[in-house]
Protein backbone atom coordinates (compact mmCIF):
# COMPACT_ATOMS: atom_id res chain seq x y z
CA UNK A 1 0.00 0.00 0.00
CA UNK A 2 2.73 2.48 0.97
CA UNK A 3 6.32 2.60 -0.32
CA UNK A 4 8.81 5.17 0.96
CA UNK A 5 12.16 5.38 -0.85
CA UNK A 6 15.10 7.60 0.13
CA UNK A 7 12.91 10.25 1.75
CA UNK A 8 14.96 13.30 2.75
CA UNK A 9 13.73 16.48 4.41
CA UNK A 10 15.94 19.40 5.45
CA UNK A 11 15.11 22.47 7.49
CA UNK A 12 17.97 24.87 6.84
CA UNK A 13 21.10 23.10 8.03
CA UNK A 14 19.15 20.39 9.88
CA UNK A 15 18.39 17.10 8.15
CA UNK A 16 15.16 15.84 9.71
CA UNK A 17 14.90 12.77 7.45
CA UNK A 18 17.94 11.28 5.77
CA UNK A 19 17.19 8.74 3.05
CA UNK A 20 14.43 6.92 4.94
CA UNK A 21 12.83 3.95 3.24
CA UNK A 22 10.28 1.31 4.23
CA UNK A 23 7.02 -0.20 3.00
CA UNK A 24 3.63 -0.98 4.50
CA UNK A 25 1.47 -3.81 3.21
CA UNK A 26 -2.29 -3.50 3.04
CA UNK A 27 -3.86 -4.52 6.34
CA UNK A 28 -0.67 -4.19 8.38
CA UNK A 29 -0.22 -2.27 11.60
CA UNK A 30 3.28 -0.78 11.60
CA UNK A 31 4.88 1.00 14.54
CA UNK A 32 7.22 3.92 13.93
CA UNK A 33 9.47 4.42 16.94
CA UNK A 34 12.56 6.38 17.90
CA UNK A 35 13.77 8.95 20.42
CA UNK A 36 12.44 12.50 20.40
CA UNK A 37 13.71 14.35 17.35
CA UNK A 38 14.17 11.18 15.32
CA UNK A 39 11.97 12.48 12.48
CA UNK A 40 8.79 10.49 13.07
CA UNK A 41 6.31 13.38 12.96
CA UNK A 42 8.20 14.94 10.06
CA UNK A 43 7.62 11.72 8.17
CA UNK A 44 3.90 11.88 8.91
CA UNK A 45 3.85 15.51 7.79
CA UNK A 46 5.38 14.46 4.47
CA UNK A 47 2.84 11.69 3.99
CA UNK A 48 -0.01 14.14 4.59
CA UNK A 49 1.69 16.85 2.48
CA UNK A 50 2.15 19.34 5.31
CA UNK A 51 5.85 19.34 4.41
CA UNK A 52 7.55 18.89 1.08
CA UNK A 53 10.49 16.55 0.50
CA UNK A 54 13.98 17.50 -0.67
CA UNK A 55 14.60 14.05 -2.14
CA UNK A 56 13.05 10.63 -2.38
CA UNK A 57 9.80 9.07 -3.52
CA UNK A 58 6.57 8.03 -1.80
CA UNK A 59 4.07 5.81 -3.56
CA UNK A 60 0.63 5.16 -2.12
CA UNK A 61 -1.60 2.60 -3.82
CA UNK A 62 0.62 2.93 -6.89
CA UNK A 63 0.44 6.73 -7.21
CA UNK A 64 3.00 9.42 -6.48
CA UNK A 65 1.89 10.71 -3.09
CA UNK A 66 4.26 13.67 -3.19
CA UNK A 67 2.32 14.98 -6.20
CA UNK A 68 -1.00 14.95 -4.33
CA UNK A 69 -1.97 18.43 -3.04
CA UNK A 70 -2.60 18.73 0.72
CA UNK A 71 -6.32 19.35 0.32
CA UNK A 72 -6.72 16.05 -1.57
CA UNK A 73 -5.07 13.78 1.03
CA UNK A 74 -8.33 12.88 2.79
CA UNK A 75 -10.02 12.17 -0.52
CA UNK A 76 -7.09 9.89 -1.40
CA UNK A 77 -7.99 7.75 1.60
CA UNK A 78 -5.48 8.93 4.21
CA UNK A 79 -6.41 10.28 7.65
CA UNK A 80 -4.32 11.12 10.70
CA UNK A 81 -4.40 12.19 14.30
CA UNK A 82 -1.94 14.59 15.94
CA UNK A 83 0.37 14.66 18.96
CA UNK A 84 -1.56 17.63 20.32
CA UNK A 85 -5.32 17.38 20.09
CA UNK A 86 -6.65 19.33 17.13
CA UNK A 87 -10.31 19.40 18.12
CA UNK A 88 -12.70 22.35 18.06
CA UNK A 89 -13.38 22.88 21.78
CA UNK A 90 -16.74 24.66 21.51
CA UNK A 91 -18.21 22.29 18.96
CA UNK A 92 -20.03 19.17 20.04
CA UNK A 93 -18.32 15.81 19.85
CA UNK A 94 -20.60 14.82 16.98
CA UNK A 95 -19.82 17.98 15.01
CA UNK A 96 -16.10 17.45 15.58
CA UNK A 97 -16.44 13.97 14.13
CA UNK A 98 -18.46 15.27 11.19
CA UNK A 99 -15.60 17.57 10.20
CA UNK A 100 -13.67 14.42 9.32
CA UNK A 101 -16.26 13.58 6.66
CA UNK A 102 -16.36 17.00 4.98
CA UNK A 103 -14.63 15.74 1.81
CA UNK A 104 -17.29 13.06 1.38
CA UNK A 105 -20.06 15.58 0.81
CA UNK A 106 -20.81 16.36 -2.82
CA UNK A 107 -23.06 19.42 -2.47
CA UNK A 108 -21.77 22.66 -3.93
CA UNK A 109 -22.01 26.11 -2.36
CA UNK A 110 -25.27 27.05 -4.11
CA UNK A 111 -27.05 23.78 -3.34
CA UNK A 112 -25.98 23.96 0.31
CA UNK A 113 -27.12 27.59 0.57
CA UNK A 114 -30.54 26.73 -0.82
CA UNK A 115 -30.84 23.66 1.44
CA UNK A 116 -31.99 21.51 -1.47
CA UNK A 117 -33.49 18.08 -0.63
CA UNK A 118 -30.38 16.23 -1.78
CA UNK A 119 -28.28 18.34 0.58
CA UNK A 120 -30.50 17.39 3.50
CA UNK A 121 -30.30 13.72 2.50
CA UNK A 122 -26.53 13.93 2.32
CA UNK A 123 -26.31 15.56 5.73
CA UNK A 124 -28.55 12.87 7.22
CA UNK A 125 -26.37 10.14 5.72
CA UNK A 126 -23.14 11.62 7.06
CA UNK A 127 -24.70 12.20 10.47
CA UNK A 128 -25.84 8.56 10.62
CA UNK A 129 -22.35 7.39 9.69
CA UNK A 130 -20.81 9.67 12.32
CA UNK A 131 -23.20 8.24 14.93
CA UNK A 132 -22.11 4.73 13.96
CA UNK A 133 -18.47 5.66 14.59
CA UNK A 134 -19.39 7.32 17.89
CA UNK A 135 -21.21 4.19 18.97
CA UNK A 136 -18.25 1.99 17.98
CA UNK A 137 -15.92 4.07 20.16
CA UNK A 138 -18.35 4.30 23.10
CA UNK A 139 -18.86 8.04 22.60
CA UNK A 140 -22.63 8.14 22.08
CA UNK A 141 -23.19 9.40 25.61
CA UNK A 142 -21.11 12.54 24.97
CA UNK A 143 -22.10 13.10 21.33
CA UNK A 144 -23.87 16.39 22.09
CA UNK A 145 -21.35 17.56 24.69
CA UNK A 146 -18.80 20.24 23.71
CA UNK A 147 -15.29 18.84 23.35
CA UNK A 148 -14.04 21.19 26.03
CA UNK A 149 -14.13 19.80 29.54
CA UNK A 150 -14.12 16.13 28.57
CA UNK A 151 -11.45 13.78 30.00
CA UNK A 152 -8.23 13.54 28.02
CA UNK A 153 -8.73 9.85 27.26
CA UNK A 154 -12.18 10.59 25.87
CA UNK A 155 -10.81 13.36 23.67
CA UNK A 156 -8.24 10.93 22.25
CA UNK A 157 -11.12 8.69 21.17
CA UNK A 158 -12.96 11.68 19.69
CA UNK A 159 -9.95 12.49 17.53
CA UNK A 160 -9.74 8.86 16.42
CA UNK A 161 -13.46 8.95 15.61
CA UNK A 162 -12.97 12.06 13.49
CA UNK A 163 -10.21 10.33 11.53
CA UNK A 164 -12.39 7.25 10.99
CA UNK A 165 -15.27 9.42 9.77
CA UNK A 166 -13.11 10.16 6.74
CA UNK A 167 -13.38 6.45 5.86
CA UNK A 168 -9.60 6.13 5.37
CA UNK A 169 -7.76 3.18 3.92
CA UNK A 170 -4.53 4.34 5.58
CA UNK A 171 -4.71 5.65 9.15
CA UNK A 172 -1.75 7.55 10.63
CA UNK A 173 -1.79 7.84 14.43
CA UNK A 174 0.69 10.24 16.06
CA UNK A 175 1.26 9.27 19.72
CA UNK A 176 -2.33 8.09 20.32
CA UNK A 177 -1.73 6.86 23.89
CA UNK A 178 0.48 9.72 25.05
CA UNK A 179 -0.92 11.00 28.35
CA UNK A 180 -3.16 7.99 28.98
CA UNK A 181 -2.90 5.87 32.11
CA UNK A 182 -2.12 2.15 31.89
CA UNK A 183 -5.76 1.09 31.93
CA UNK A 184 -6.62 3.56 29.16
CA UNK A 185 -3.63 2.36 27.11
CA UNK A 186 -4.86 -1.23 27.30
CA UNK A 187 -8.38 -0.17 26.38
CA UNK A 188 -7.16 1.88 23.43
CA UNK A 189 -5.03 -1.02 22.17
CA UNK A 190 -8.05 -3.31 22.18
CA UNK A 191 -10.17 -0.69 20.44
CA UNK A 192 -7.53 -0.18 17.76
CA UNK A 193 -7.23 -3.88 17.03
CA UNK A 194 -11.00 -4.08 16.60
CA UNK A 195 -11.12 -1.01 14.37
CA UNK A 196 -8.38 -2.39 12.16
CA UNK A 197 -10.53 -5.41 11.36
CA UNK A 198 -13.94 -3.75 11.31
CA UNK A 199 -12.93 -0.79 9.13
CA UNK A 200 -10.42 -2.78 7.02
CA UNK A 201 -7.83 -0.06 7.56
CA UNK A 202 -4.03 -0.11 7.38
CA UNK A 203 -2.38 1.61 10.34
CA UNK A 204 0.96 3.33 10.89
CA UNK A 205 1.41 4.48 14.48
CA UNK A 206 4.06 6.76 15.99
CA UNK A 207 4.36 6.04 19.68
CA UNK A 208 6.86 6.19 22.57
CA UNK A 209 4.96 3.71 24.73
CA UNK A 210 6.92 0.55 23.99
CA UNK A 211 4.47 -1.80 25.67
CA UNK A 212 1.71 -0.53 23.39
CA UNK A 213 3.85 -0.77 20.24
CA UNK A 214 5.28 -4.21 20.97
CA UNK A 215 1.89 -5.63 21.90
CA UNK A 216 -0.10 -4.11 19.05
CA UNK A 217 2.03 -3.77 15.91
CA UNK A 218 2.90 -6.46 13.34
CA UNK A 219 6.16 -4.78 12.42
CA UNK A 220 8.28 -1.92 13.76
CA UNK A 221 10.48 0.68 12.05
CA UNK A 222 12.96 2.59 14.24
CA UNK A 223 14.37 6.01 13.33
CA UNK A 224 17.22 7.89 14.98
CA UNK A 225 18.55 11.28 13.90
CA UNK A 226 16.45 11.04 10.75
CA UNK A 227 17.78 7.65 9.63
CA UNK A 228 16.24 4.21 9.75
CA UNK A 229 18.31 2.06 12.09
CA UNK A 230 16.12 -1.03 12.39
CA UNK A 231 13.05 -2.70 10.91
CA UNK A 232 11.34 -6.00 11.56
CA UNK A 233 9.07 -7.90 13.94
CA UNK A 234 8.66 -6.17 17.33
CA UNK A 235 10.67 -8.74 19.28
CA UNK A 236 13.63 -8.46 16.88
CA UNK A 237 13.67 -4.67 16.84
CA UNK A 238 13.41 -4.64 20.62
CA UNK A 239 16.65 -6.61 20.87
CA UNK A 240 18.53 -4.74 18.14
CA UNK A 241 21.76 -3.22 19.56
CA UNK A 242 21.30 -0.01 17.52
CA UNK A 243 17.82 0.46 18.99
CA UNK A 244 19.13 -0.17 22.51
CA UNK A 245 21.84 2.40 21.99
CA UNK A 246 19.40 4.97 20.57
CA UNK A 247 17.07 4.65 23.56
CA UNK A 248 19.41 3.80 26.41
CA UNK A 249 22.78 5.14 25.28
CA UNK A 250 24.21 1.61 25.36
CA UNK A 251 23.98 -1.54 23.28
CA UNK A 252 23.68 -3.60 26.48
CA UNK A 253 19.98 -4.54 26.85
CA UNK A 254 20.34 -4.99 30.61
CA UNK A 255 17.52 -7.00 32.23
CA UNK A 256 15.31 -9.18 30.02
CA UNK A 257 12.67 -7.15 28.19
CA UNK A 258 14.94 -4.31 27.05
CA UNK A 259 13.28 -0.90 26.67
CA UNK A 260 9.82 -2.41 26.58
CA UNK A 261 8.43 -1.31 29.93
CA UNK A 262 6.39 1.89 29.93
CA UNK A 263 7.40 4.94 27.92
CA UNK A 264 10.77 5.63 26.39
CA UNK A 265 12.47 8.62 24.88
């Protein structure tokens, strides 16, 4: 589904990504890990066209993703969440979720202004689909509540619901369990596994919580200083000396389990 070849991004004299390459098969859940500043979010920003690339190629479902304009990313079937919540605090949870489906509405400005019957039918359809997503993520009870004032763990699910409302084929999650307690992390992991199957979506997740990554992802890619230093099944990457050194400053894994416990970096 996704092929990244030699991706390079520079900001002035800083190389944020240096020849990064990896692929993601349809239906996979791939973890993207690495210490802070490794280039993980920059990579996501390239995939969603928030940043350009200085070199390299990205192909998504056989097309040149770097040629897709930013406003067409959702229509191409890609949705993402962000490190910092990007919700509209005064809007209801339902309306926040509906913003994720804006590209799926076909009514033009004039038809929407005149409130033609087909516009009302379209709005009803999107609202019903949004309610289905809210129900799947156990958010029906807060659907009419403003986003502001809700618990942080709930807001994380709202942002995921908004991304799913776009009906993506590729879902990019940027630190989805950051700030959650251990019980919430376990709950989110179970929800994500169910969503992967139910929505038939391919997932790439950036996360520092190693327990979550190792227990959820099929394969892991590790970046450090903008370069890929390891790739493979979670248990192999966990034991890789280069990964140990990147996270712990030493290639000695220490006690069994390596950097797996809790959050790292």
